[in-house]
Amino acid sequence: MEPYFATLKKQTDFYIAKAFYECLEQNIPLNITTLCAQAGIGRRTFYRHFSSVDEVFQCCIASLFSEYRHTIRPLKNYNIEQIAKEFFGFWETKKRELRLLGRYDEAKLSALLFEDGVSLIKERSDDRFHLFSVYSAGGFLGLLNWWIAEDFHMPVQELIVQFVQETENIFSKDIS
């Protein structure tokens, strides 16, 4: 059983993150005062958990990647279609959060998605394909950033099918 204070910390972090998303959704100016009011906590409680609003933003992204990490299976082989379905299928369920995080800071969202995503994909990859995994992580994350910037206009299934077809076309041709 988790110690009481660890459980309390998780609950407080959850309410602060929830308040962060609510402020973004309602276009409430984000600062520590409004965040504390929205979360129903005092400033001292906030500072026990975070040092800034930016840190809450980073925590929200880390939380998304933690959730993603728990949904993926170990790769037995490199199957681009399986990876694309898992990757984009997960992020499709997080469109609301991604839109709101982009509203806070689109450039930081892009940078943190890339940073966290590459480290996650390197963890998941087989040592035999380390460089290719990093290379493909850049492609997947770049495509995710494009999809976010396009406000998810392309349906996820269409995105996956088109991506897989284009990838297979590129890798099946002799590029000289």
N, C-alpha and C. Protein backbone atom coordinates (compact mmCIF):
# COMPACT_ATOMS: atom_id res chain seq x y z
N MET A 1 0.83 -1.18 0.00
CA MET A 1 0.00 0.00 0.00
C MET A 1 0.88 1.25 0.00
N GLU A 2 0.46 2.23 -0.79
CA GLU A 2 1.23 3.46 -0.88
C GLU A 2 1.15 4.26 0.41
N PRO A 3 2.26 4.85 0.79
CA PRO A 3 2.20 5.70 1.97
C PRO A 3 1.22 6.86 1.74
N TYR A 4 0.66 7.32 2.81
CA TYR A 4 -0.36 8.37 2.77
C TYR A 4 0.13 9.61 2.01
N PHE A 5 1.34 10.07 2.28
CA PHE A 5 1.83 11.30 1.67
C PHE A 5 2.08 11.14 0.17
N ALA A 6 2.47 9.96 -0.27
CA ALA A 6 2.65 9.73 -1.70
C ALA A 6 1.30 9.78 -2.41
N THR A 7 0.28 9.22 -1.80
CA THR A 7 -1.07 9.27 -2.35
C THR A 7 -1.58 10.71 -2.39
N LEU A 8 -1.34 11.44 -1.33
CA LEU A 8 -1.76 12.84 -1.26
C LEU A 8 -1.05 13.67 -2.33
N LYS A 9 0.23 13.42 -2.54
CA LYS A 9 0.98 14.14 -3.58
C LYS A 9 0.39 13.87 -4.96
N LYS A 10 0.10 12.60 -5.25
CA LYS A 10 -0.50 12.26 -6.55
C LYS A 10 -1.83 12.96 -6.74
N GLN A 11 -2.64 12.99 -5.69
CA GLN A 11 -3.94 13.65 -5.78
C GLN A 11 -3.79 15.14 -6.04
N THR A 12 -2.89 15.77 -5.32
CA THR A 12 -2.67 17.21 -5.49
C THR A 12 -2.13 17.50 -6.89
N ASP A 13 -1.16 16.70 -7.35
CA ASP A 13 -0.63 16.87 -8.71
C ASP A 13 -1.74 16.73 -9.74
N PHE A 14 -2.64 15.75 -9.51
CA PHE A 14 -3.76 15.54 -10.43
C PHE A 14 -4.65 16.78 -10.48
N TYR A 15 -5.00 17.35 -9.32
CA TYR A 15 -5.88 18.51 -9.29
C TYR A 15 -5.22 19.75 -9.89
N ILE A 16 -3.93 19.88 -9.71
CA ILE A 16 -3.21 21.01 -10.32
C ILE A 16 -3.19 20.85 -11.85
N ALA A 17 -2.91 19.65 -12.33
CA ALA A 17 -2.91 19.41 -13.78
C ALA A 17 -4.31 19.61 -14.36
N LYS A 18 -5.32 19.14 -13.66
CA LYS A 18 -6.71 19.32 -14.10
C LYS A 18 -7.03 20.80 -14.19
N ALA A 19 -6.62 21.57 -13.19
CA ALA A 19 -6.85 23.01 -13.19
C ALA A 19 -6.11 23.68 -14.34
N PHE A 20 -4.90 23.20 -14.63
CA PHE A 20 -4.11 23.73 -15.74
C PHE A 20 -4.88 23.57 -17.05
N TYR A 21 -5.39 22.36 -17.31
CA TYR A 21 -6.17 22.11 -18.52
C TYR A 21 -7.45 22.95 -18.53
N GLU A 22 -8.12 23.06 -17.39
CA GLU A 22 -9.36 23.84 -17.32
C GLU A 22 -9.12 25.31 -17.62
N CYS A 23 -8.04 25.86 -17.09
CA CYS A 23 -7.70 27.27 -17.37
C CYS A 23 -7.45 27.46 -18.87
N LEU A 24 -6.73 26.54 -19.48
CA LEU A 24 -6.47 26.64 -20.91
C LEU A 24 -7.77 26.54 -21.71
N GLU A 25 -8.63 25.62 -21.31
CA GLU A 25 -9.88 25.40 -22.02
C GLU A 25 -10.80 26.63 -21.92
N GLN A 26 -10.78 27.29 -20.78
CA GLN A 26 -11.66 28.44 -20.54
C GLN A 26 -10.97 29.77 -20.85
N ASN A 27 -9.75 29.70 -21.41
CA ASN A 27 -8.97 30.91 -21.74
C ASN A 27 -8.76 31.81 -20.52
N ILE A 28 -8.58 31.20 -19.37
CA ILE A 28 -8.25 31.94 -18.15
C ILE A 28 -6.74 32.17 -18.16
N PRO A 29 -6.30 33.40 -17.91
CA PRO A 29 -4.85 33.65 -17.90
C PRO A 29 -4.14 32.70 -16.93
N LEU A 30 -3.09 32.08 -17.41
CA LEU A 30 -2.39 31.11 -16.58
C LEU A 30 -1.28 31.78 -15.78
N ASN A 31 -1.49 31.81 -14.50
CA ASN A 31 -0.44 32.19 -13.55
C ASN A 31 -0.71 31.39 -12.29
N ILE A 32 0.17 31.46 -11.36
CA ILE A 32 0.06 30.63 -10.17
C ILE A 32 -1.20 30.97 -9.37
N THR A 33 -1.54 32.22 -9.30
CA THR A 33 -2.74 32.62 -8.55
C THR A 33 -4.00 32.01 -9.13
N THR A 34 -4.19 32.13 -10.45
CA THR A 34 -5.40 31.57 -11.06
C THR A 34 -5.38 30.05 -11.03
N LEU A 35 -4.22 29.47 -11.19
CA LEU A 35 -4.11 28.01 -11.15
C LEU A 35 -4.48 27.48 -9.75
N CYS A 36 -4.01 28.16 -8.72
CA CYS A 36 -4.34 27.75 -7.34
C CYS A 36 -5.84 27.90 -7.08
N ALA A 37 -6.40 28.99 -7.55
CA ALA A 37 -7.84 29.21 -7.34
C ALA A 37 -8.65 28.13 -8.06
N GLN A 38 -8.26 27.82 -9.28
CA GLN A 38 -8.97 26.80 -10.07
C GLN A 38 -8.83 25.42 -9.42
N ALA A 39 -7.67 25.13 -8.84
CA ALA A 39 -7.42 23.82 -8.22
C ALA A 39 -7.97 23.75 -6.79
N GLY A 40 -8.27 24.91 -6.22
CA GLY A 40 -8.77 24.93 -4.85
C GLY A 40 -7.68 24.66 -3.83
N ILE A 41 -6.49 25.17 -4.11
CA ILE A 41 -5.35 24.98 -3.20
C ILE A 41 -4.70 26.34 -2.91
N GLY A 42 -3.85 26.37 -1.91
CA GLY A 42 -3.10 27.57 -1.59
C GLY A 42 -1.77 27.61 -2.34
N ARG A 43 -1.19 28.78 -2.39
CA ARG A 43 0.10 28.96 -3.08
C ARG A 43 1.20 28.08 -2.46
N ARG A 44 1.19 27.98 -1.14
CA ARG A 44 2.22 27.16 -0.48
C ARG A 44 2.11 25.71 -0.93
N THR A 45 0.88 25.22 -1.07
CA THR A 45 0.69 23.84 -1.55
C THR A 45 1.22 23.72 -2.98
N PHE A 46 0.90 24.72 -3.81
CA PHE A 46 1.39 24.70 -5.18
C PHE A 46 2.92 24.59 -5.19
N TYR A 47 3.58 25.46 -4.42
CA TYR A 47 5.05 25.49 -4.43
C TYR A 47 5.68 24.24 -3.80
N ARG A 48 4.93 23.49 -3.03
CA ARG A 48 5.44 22.21 -2.53
C ARG A 48 5.52 21.18 -3.66
N HIS A 49 4.75 21.41 -4.70
CA HIS A 49 4.67 20.45 -5.81
C HIS A 49 5.36 20.93 -7.07
N PHE A 50 5.30 22.21 -7.34
CA PHE A 50 5.85 22.77 -8.58
C PHE A 50 6.52 24.10 -8.29
N SER A 51 7.48 24.45 -9.15
CA SER A 51 8.14 25.73 -8.97
C SER A 51 7.58 26.80 -9.91
N SER A 52 6.84 26.36 -10.94
CA SER A 52 6.32 27.32 -11.91
C SER A 52 5.17 26.70 -12.70
N VAL A 53 4.47 27.53 -13.45
CA VAL A 53 3.42 27.04 -14.34
C VAL A 53 4.05 26.19 -15.45
N ASP A 54 5.22 26.60 -15.91
CA ASP A 54 5.94 25.82 -16.93
C ASP A 54 6.21 24.39 -16.46
N GLU A 55 6.51 24.25 -15.19
CA GLU A 55 6.77 22.92 -14.66
C GLU A 55 5.50 22.06 -14.67
N VAL A 56 4.35 22.68 -14.47
CA VAL A 56 3.08 21.95 -14.57
C VAL A 56 2.89 21.49 -16.01
N PHE A 57 3.16 22.38 -16.97
CA PHE A 57 3.10 22.05 -18.40
C PHE A 57 3.97 20.84 -18.72
N GLN A 58 5.20 20.86 -18.25
CA GLN A 58 6.13 19.75 -18.48
C GLN A 58 5.63 18.46 -17.83
N CYS A 59 5.05 18.59 -16.66
CA CYS A 59 4.49 17.44 -15.95
C CYS A 59 3.33 16.83 -16.73
N CYS A 60 2.51 17.68 -17.34
CA CYS A 60 1.37 17.19 -18.14
C CYS A 60 1.87 16.37 -19.34
N ILE A 61 2.92 16.84 -19.98
CA ILE A 61 3.48 16.11 -21.12
C ILE A 61 4.11 14.81 -20.64
N ALA A 62 4.85 14.86 -19.56
CA ALA A 62 5.47 13.65 -19.01
C ALA A 62 4.39 12.62 -18.63
N SER A 63 3.28 13.10 -18.12
CA SER A 63 2.18 12.22 -17.75
C SER A 63 1.60 11.53 -18.98
N LEU A 64 1.46 12.26 -20.09
CA LEU A 64 0.97 11.66 -21.33
C LEU A 64 1.91 10.56 -21.81
N PHE A 65 3.21 10.84 -21.76
CA PHE A 65 4.18 9.82 -22.20
C PHE A 65 4.22 8.63 -21.25
N SER A 66 4.01 8.87 -19.98
CA SER A 66 3.94 7.76 -19.03
C SER A 66 2.75 6.86 -19.37
N GLU A 67 1.64 7.49 -19.68
CA GLU A 67 0.45 6.73 -20.06
C GLU A 67 0.70 5.96 -21.36
N TYR A 68 1.34 6.62 -22.32
CA TYR A 68 1.66 5.96 -23.59
C TYR A 68 2.58 4.75 -23.34
N ARG A 69 3.58 4.95 -22.50
CA ARG A 69 4.54 3.88 -22.18
C ARG A 69 3.82 2.64 -21.65
N HIS A 70 2.74 2.84 -20.91
CA HIS A 70 2.00 1.71 -20.33
C HIS A 70 1.05 1.05 -21.32
N THR A 71 0.83 1.67 -22.48
CA THR A 71 -0.09 1.08 -23.46
C THR A 71 0.62 0.26 -24.53
N ILE A 72 1.93 0.45 -24.68
CA ILE A 72 2.63 -0.21 -25.78
C ILE A 72 3.18 -1.57 -25.36
N ARG A 73 3.28 -2.42 -26.35
CA ARG A 73 3.85 -3.76 -26.13
C ARG A 73 5.30 -3.76 -26.64
N PRO A 74 6.12 -4.66 -26.11
CA PRO A 74 7.48 -4.77 -26.64
C PRO A 74 7.42 -5.19 -28.11
N LEU A 75 8.34 -4.66 -28.89
CA LEU A 75 8.39 -5.00 -30.31
C LEU A 75 9.12 -6.32 -30.50
N LYS A 76 8.51 -7.23 -31.23
CA LYS A 76 9.20 -8.47 -31.58
C LYS A 76 9.93 -8.29 -32.91
N ASN A 77 9.38 -7.44 -33.77
CA ASN A 77 10.06 -7.05 -35.00
C ASN A 77 9.60 -5.65 -35.36
N TYR A 78 10.26 -5.07 -36.32
CA TYR A 78 9.95 -3.69 -36.69
C TYR A 78 8.86 -3.73 -37.76
N ASN A 79 7.61 -3.57 -37.33
CA ASN A 79 6.47 -3.56 -38.24
C ASN A 79 5.91 -2.14 -38.25
N ILE A 80 6.16 -1.43 -39.35
CA ILE A 80 5.80 -0.02 -39.42
C ILE A 80 4.30 0.20 -39.22
N GLU A 81 3.48 -0.70 -39.73
CA GLU A 81 2.04 -0.52 -39.59
C GLU A 81 1.60 -0.70 -38.14
N GLN A 82 2.15 -1.71 -37.45
CA GLN A 82 1.82 -1.92 -36.04
C GLN A 82 2.23 -0.71 -35.21
N ILE A 83 3.43 -0.22 -35.45
CA ILE A 83 3.93 0.93 -34.70
C ILE A 83 3.06 2.16 -34.96
N ALA A 84 2.72 2.39 -36.23
CA ALA A 84 1.89 3.56 -36.59
C ALA A 84 0.51 3.47 -35.94
N LYS A 85 -0.08 2.28 -35.96
CA LYS A 85 -1.41 2.12 -35.35
C LYS A 85 -1.35 2.37 -33.85
N GLU A 86 -0.36 1.82 -33.17
CA GLU A 86 -0.23 2.03 -31.73
C GLU A 86 0.04 3.50 -31.41
N PHE A 87 0.98 4.08 -32.14
CA PHE A 87 1.41 5.45 -31.88
C PHE A 87 0.28 6.44 -32.11
N PHE A 88 -0.25 6.44 -33.33
CA PHE A 88 -1.27 7.44 -33.66
C PHE A 88 -2.62 7.11 -33.02
N GLY A 89 -2.87 5.83 -32.80
CA GLY A 89 -4.10 5.44 -32.10
C GLY A 89 -4.12 6.00 -30.70
N PHE A 90 -2.98 5.94 -30.01
CA PHE A 90 -2.90 6.50 -28.67
C PHE A 90 -3.09 8.02 -28.71
N TRP A 91 -2.33 8.70 -29.56
CA TRP A 91 -2.36 10.17 -29.58
C TRP A 91 -3.71 10.69 -30.05
N GLU A 92 -4.44 9.89 -30.83
CA GLU A 92 -5.78 10.32 -31.22
C GLU A 92 -6.67 10.48 -29.99
N THR A 93 -6.48 9.62 -29.00
CA THR A 93 -7.29 9.71 -27.78
C THR A 93 -6.89 10.90 -26.91
N LYS A 94 -5.78 11.54 -27.24
CA LYS A 94 -5.26 12.66 -26.43
C LYS A 94 -5.31 13.98 -27.19
N LYS A 95 -6.16 14.06 -28.21
CA LYS A 95 -6.24 15.28 -29.01
C LYS A 95 -6.60 16.51 -28.17
N ARG A 96 -7.55 16.35 -27.27
CA ARG A 96 -7.96 17.49 -26.43
C ARG A 96 -6.76 18.03 -25.66
N GLU A 97 -6.04 17.12 -24.98
CA GLU A 97 -4.89 17.54 -24.19
C GLU A 97 -3.81 18.18 -25.07
N LEU A 98 -3.55 17.58 -26.23
CA LEU A 98 -2.53 18.13 -27.12
C LEU A 98 -2.91 19.52 -27.64
N ARG A 99 -4.18 19.71 -27.96
CA ARG A 99 -4.64 21.03 -28.41
C ARG A 99 -4.43 22.07 -27.30
N LEU A 100 -4.81 21.70 -26.09
CA LEU A 100 -4.68 22.64 -24.97
C LEU A 100 -3.21 22.93 -24.65
N LEU A 101 -2.38 21.90 -24.66
CA LEU A 101 -0.96 22.11 -24.39
C LEU A 101 -0.33 22.98 -25.48
N GLY A 102 -0.77 22.79 -26.72
CA GLY A 102 -0.30 23.64 -27.82
C GLY A 102 -0.74 25.08 -27.64
N ARG A 103 -1.91 25.28 -27.06
CA ARG A 103 -2.41 26.62 -26.78
C ARG A 103 -1.50 27.33 -25.77
N TYR A 104 -0.96 26.55 -24.83
CA TYR A 104 -0.06 27.12 -23.81
C TYR A 104 1.26 27.53 -24.46
N ASP A 105 1.90 26.61 -25.18
CA ASP A 105 3.17 26.92 -25.84
C ASP A 105 3.46 25.86 -26.90
N GLU A 106 3.14 26.20 -28.14
CA GLU A 106 3.28 25.26 -29.25
C GLU A 106 4.73 24.83 -29.47
N ALA A 107 5.66 25.77 -29.38
CA ALA A 107 7.07 25.44 -29.61
C ALA A 107 7.61 24.50 -28.53
N LYS A 108 7.26 24.79 -27.27
CA LYS A 108 7.72 23.92 -26.18
C LYS A 108 7.08 22.54 -26.26
N LEU A 109 5.80 22.51 -26.66
CA LEU A 109 5.13 21.22 -26.82
C LEU A 109 5.86 20.38 -27.85
N SER A 110 6.17 20.98 -28.98
CA SER A 110 6.87 20.28 -30.04
C SER A 110 8.23 19.76 -29.56
N ALA A 111 8.97 20.61 -28.88
CA ALA A 111 10.30 20.23 -28.39
C ALA A 111 10.22 19.11 -27.36
N LEU A 112 9.29 19.23 -26.42
CA LEU A 112 9.16 18.21 -25.37
C LEU A 112 8.62 16.89 -25.92
N LEU A 113 7.70 16.96 -26.87
CA LEU A 113 7.22 15.73 -27.50
C LEU A 113 8.38 15.00 -28.15
N PHE A 114 9.22 15.76 -28.84
CA PHE A 114 10.36 15.15 -29.52
C PHE A 114 11.34 14.55 -28.51
N GLU A 115 11.70 15.33 -27.51
CA GLU A 115 12.67 14.88 -26.50
C GLU A 115 12.18 13.63 -25.77
N ASP A 116 10.96 13.68 -25.25
CA ASP A 116 10.41 12.54 -24.51
C ASP A 116 10.16 11.36 -25.43
N GLY A 117 9.69 11.65 -26.63
CA GLY A 117 9.38 10.59 -27.58
C GLY A 117 10.60 9.81 -28.03
N VAL A 118 11.69 10.50 -28.33
CA VAL A 118 12.91 9.81 -28.76
C VAL A 118 13.43 8.93 -27.64
N SER A 119 13.42 9.43 -26.41
CA SER A 119 13.93 8.59 -25.31
C SER A 119 13.04 7.37 -25.10
N LEU A 120 11.72 7.53 -25.25
CA LEU A 120 10.81 6.40 -25.11
C LEU A 120 11.04 5.37 -26.21
N ILE A 121 11.18 5.83 -27.43
CA ILE A 121 11.34 4.90 -28.55
C ILE A 121 12.70 4.20 -28.46
N LYS A 122 13.72 4.89 -27.98
CA LYS A 122 15.02 4.24 -27.77
C LYS A 122 14.90 3.14 -26.73
N GLU A 123 14.13 3.38 -25.67
CA GLU A 123 13.91 2.35 -24.64
C GLU A 123 13.27 1.11 -25.23
N ARG A 124 12.35 1.32 -26.14
CA ARG A 124 11.55 0.24 -26.71
C ARG A 124 12.30 -0.53 -27.79
N SER A 125 13.34 0.04 -28.34
CA SER A 125 13.98 -0.55 -29.51
C SER A 125 15.00 -1.63 -29.15
N ASP A 126 15.20 -2.47 -30.09
CA ASP A 126 16.19 -3.54 -30.02
C ASP A 126 17.57 -2.90 -30.28
N ASP A 127 18.58 -3.32 -29.55
CA ASP A 127 19.92 -2.75 -29.73
C ASP A 127 20.44 -2.88 -31.16
N ARG A 128 19.95 -3.89 -31.88
CA ARG A 128 20.41 -4.07 -33.26
C ARG A 128 19.95 -2.93 -34.16
N PHE A 129 18.86 -2.25 -33.76
CA PHE A 129 18.29 -1.21 -34.61
C PHE A 129 18.26 0.15 -33.90
N HIS A 130 19.26 0.38 -33.06
CA HIS A 130 19.28 1.59 -32.25
C HIS A 130 19.22 2.86 -33.12
N LEU A 131 20.08 2.99 -34.10
CA LEU A 131 20.11 4.20 -34.92
C LEU A 131 18.85 4.33 -35.76
N PHE A 132 18.38 3.22 -36.31
CA PHE A 132 17.16 3.28 -37.10
C PHE A 132 15.97 3.66 -36.23
N SER A 133 15.96 3.20 -34.98
CA SER A 133 14.87 3.56 -34.07
C SER A 133 14.86 5.05 -33.79
N VAL A 134 16.03 5.63 -33.56
CA VAL A 134 16.11 7.07 -33.33
C VAL A 134 15.68 7.81 -34.60
N TYR A 135 16.12 7.34 -35.74
CA TYR A 135 15.75 7.93 -37.03
C TYR A 135 14.24 7.88 -37.22
N SER A 136 13.63 6.73 -37.01
CA SER A 136 12.19 6.61 -37.22
C SER A 136 11.41 7.37 -36.15
N ALA A 137 11.96 7.47 -34.93
CA ALA A 137 11.30 8.26 -33.88
C ALA A 137 11.15 9.70 -34.35
N GLY A 138 12.18 10.22 -34.96
CA GLY A 138 12.12 11.59 -35.48
C GLY A 138 11.00 11.75 -36.49
N GLY A 139 10.84 10.75 -37.35
CA GLY A 139 9.78 10.79 -38.35
C GLY A 139 8.40 10.73 -37.73
N PHE A 140 8.20 9.80 -36.81
CA PHE A 140 6.90 9.68 -36.15
C PHE A 140 6.56 10.94 -35.37
N LEU A 141 7.53 11.46 -34.64
CA LEU A 141 7.27 12.65 -33.82
C LEU A 141 7.08 13.89 -34.69
N GLY A 142 7.82 13.96 -35.80
CA GLY A 142 7.62 15.05 -36.74
C GLY A 142 6.22 15.01 -37.33
N LEU A 143 5.78 13.81 -37.67
CA LEU A 143 4.43 13.65 -38.21
C LEU A 143 3.37 13.96 -37.15
N LEU A 144 3.62 13.59 -35.91
CA LEU A 144 2.70 13.94 -34.83
C LEU A 144 2.61 15.46 -34.68
N ASN A 145 3.75 16.14 -34.72
CA ASN A 145 3.74 17.60 -34.62
C ASN A 145 3.00 18.24 -35.80
N TRP A 146 3.19 17.68 -36.98
CA TRP A 146 2.46 18.17 -38.16
C TRP A 146 0.96 17.98 -37.97
N TRP A 147 0.57 16.81 -37.49
CA TRP A 147 -0.84 16.48 -37.28
C TRP A 147 -1.47 17.43 -36.25
N ILE A 148 -0.73 17.73 -35.19
CA ILE A 148 -1.21 18.68 -34.18
C ILE A 148 -1.37 20.07 -34.81
N ALA A 149 -0.33 20.52 -35.55
CA ALA A 149 -0.37 21.84 -36.19
C ALA A 149 -1.53 21.95 -37.18
N GLU A 150 -1.87 20.83 -37.83
CA GLU A 150 -3.01 20.80 -38.77
C GLU A 150 -4.34 20.61 -38.04
N ASP A 151 -4.31 20.66 -36.72
CA ASP A 151 -5.48 20.48 -35.86
C ASP A 151 -6.20 19.17 -36.13
N PHE A 152 -5.42 18.13 -36.40
CA PHE A 152 -5.94 16.77 -36.53
C PHE A 152 -6.99 16.64 -37.65
N HIS A 153 -6.84 17.46 -38.71
CA HIS A 153 -7.85 17.44 -39.79
C HIS A 153 -7.89 16.10 -40.51
N MET A 154 -6.75 15.46 -40.68
CA MET A 154 -6.75 14.15 -41.34
C MET A 154 -7.17 13.08 -40.33
N PRO A 155 -8.20 12.30 -40.64
CA PRO A 155 -8.60 11.23 -39.72
C PRO A 155 -7.45 10.26 -39.48
N VAL A 156 -7.36 9.74 -38.26
CA VAL A 156 -6.23 8.91 -37.87
C VAL A 156 -6.05 7.69 -38.78
N GLN A 157 -7.14 7.05 -39.17
CA GLN A 157 -7.01 5.87 -40.04
C GLN A 157 -6.42 6.25 -41.39
N GLU A 158 -6.85 7.38 -41.93
CA GLU A 158 -6.30 7.85 -43.20
C GLU A 158 -4.82 8.20 -43.06
N LEU A 159 -4.47 8.83 -41.96
CA LEU A 159 -3.08 9.17 -41.69
C LEU A 159 -2.21 7.91 -41.65
N ILE A 160 -2.68 6.89 -40.95
CA ILE A 160 -1.92 5.64 -40.82
C ILE A 160 -1.77 4.97 -42.18
N VAL A 161 -2.87 4.83 -42.92
CA VAL A 161 -2.83 4.15 -44.22
C VAL A 161 -1.90 4.89 -45.17
N GLN A 162 -2.04 6.21 -45.26
CA GLN A 162 -1.19 6.98 -46.17
C GLN A 162 0.27 6.91 -45.76
N PHE A 163 0.54 7.01 -44.46
CA PHE A 163 1.92 6.94 -43.97
C PHE A 163 2.54 5.58 -44.29
N VAL A 164 1.83 4.50 -44.03
CA VAL A 164 2.35 3.16 -44.28
C VAL A 164 2.59 2.96 -45.78
N GLN A 165 1.64 3.40 -46.61
CA GLN A 165 1.81 3.25 -48.06
C GLN A 165 3.03 4.02 -48.56
N GLU A 166 3.17 5.25 -48.13
CA GLU A 166 4.31 6.05 -48.56
C GLU A 166 5.62 5.45 -48.07
N THR A 167 5.65 4.97 -46.85
CA THR A 167 6.87 4.36 -46.30
C THR A 167 7.23 3.11 -47.08
N GLU A 168 6.24 2.26 -47.34
CA GLU A 168 6.51 1.04 -48.10
C GLU A 168 6.98 1.37 -49.51
N ASN A 169 6.42 2.40 -50.12
CA ASN A 169 6.85 2.81 -51.46
C ASN A 169 8.30 3.27 -51.45
N ILE A 170 8.67 4.06 -50.46
CA ILE A 170 10.04 4.56 -50.38
C ILE A 170 11.02 3.41 -50.17
N PHE A 171 10.74 2.54 -49.20
CA PHE A 171 11.70 1.49 -48.85
C PHE A 171 11.68 0.32 -49.82
N SER A 172 10.67 0.22 -50.68
CA SER A 172 10.66 -0.88 -51.64
C SER A 172 11.37 -0.50 -52.93
N LYS A 173 11.69 0.77 -53.12
CA LYS A 173 12.37 1.25 -54.33
C LYS A 173 13.86 1.34 -54.10
N ASP A 174 14.56 1.14 -55.17
CA ASP A 174 16.01 1.32 -55.14
C ASP A 174 16.26 2.82 -55.31
N ILE A 175 16.67 3.47 -54.24
CA ILE A 175 16.89 4.90 -54.28
C ILE A 175 18.34 5.14 -54.69
N SER A 176 18.53 5.67 -55.88
CA SER A 176 19.90 5.93 -56.34
C SER A 176 20.04 7.30 -56.93
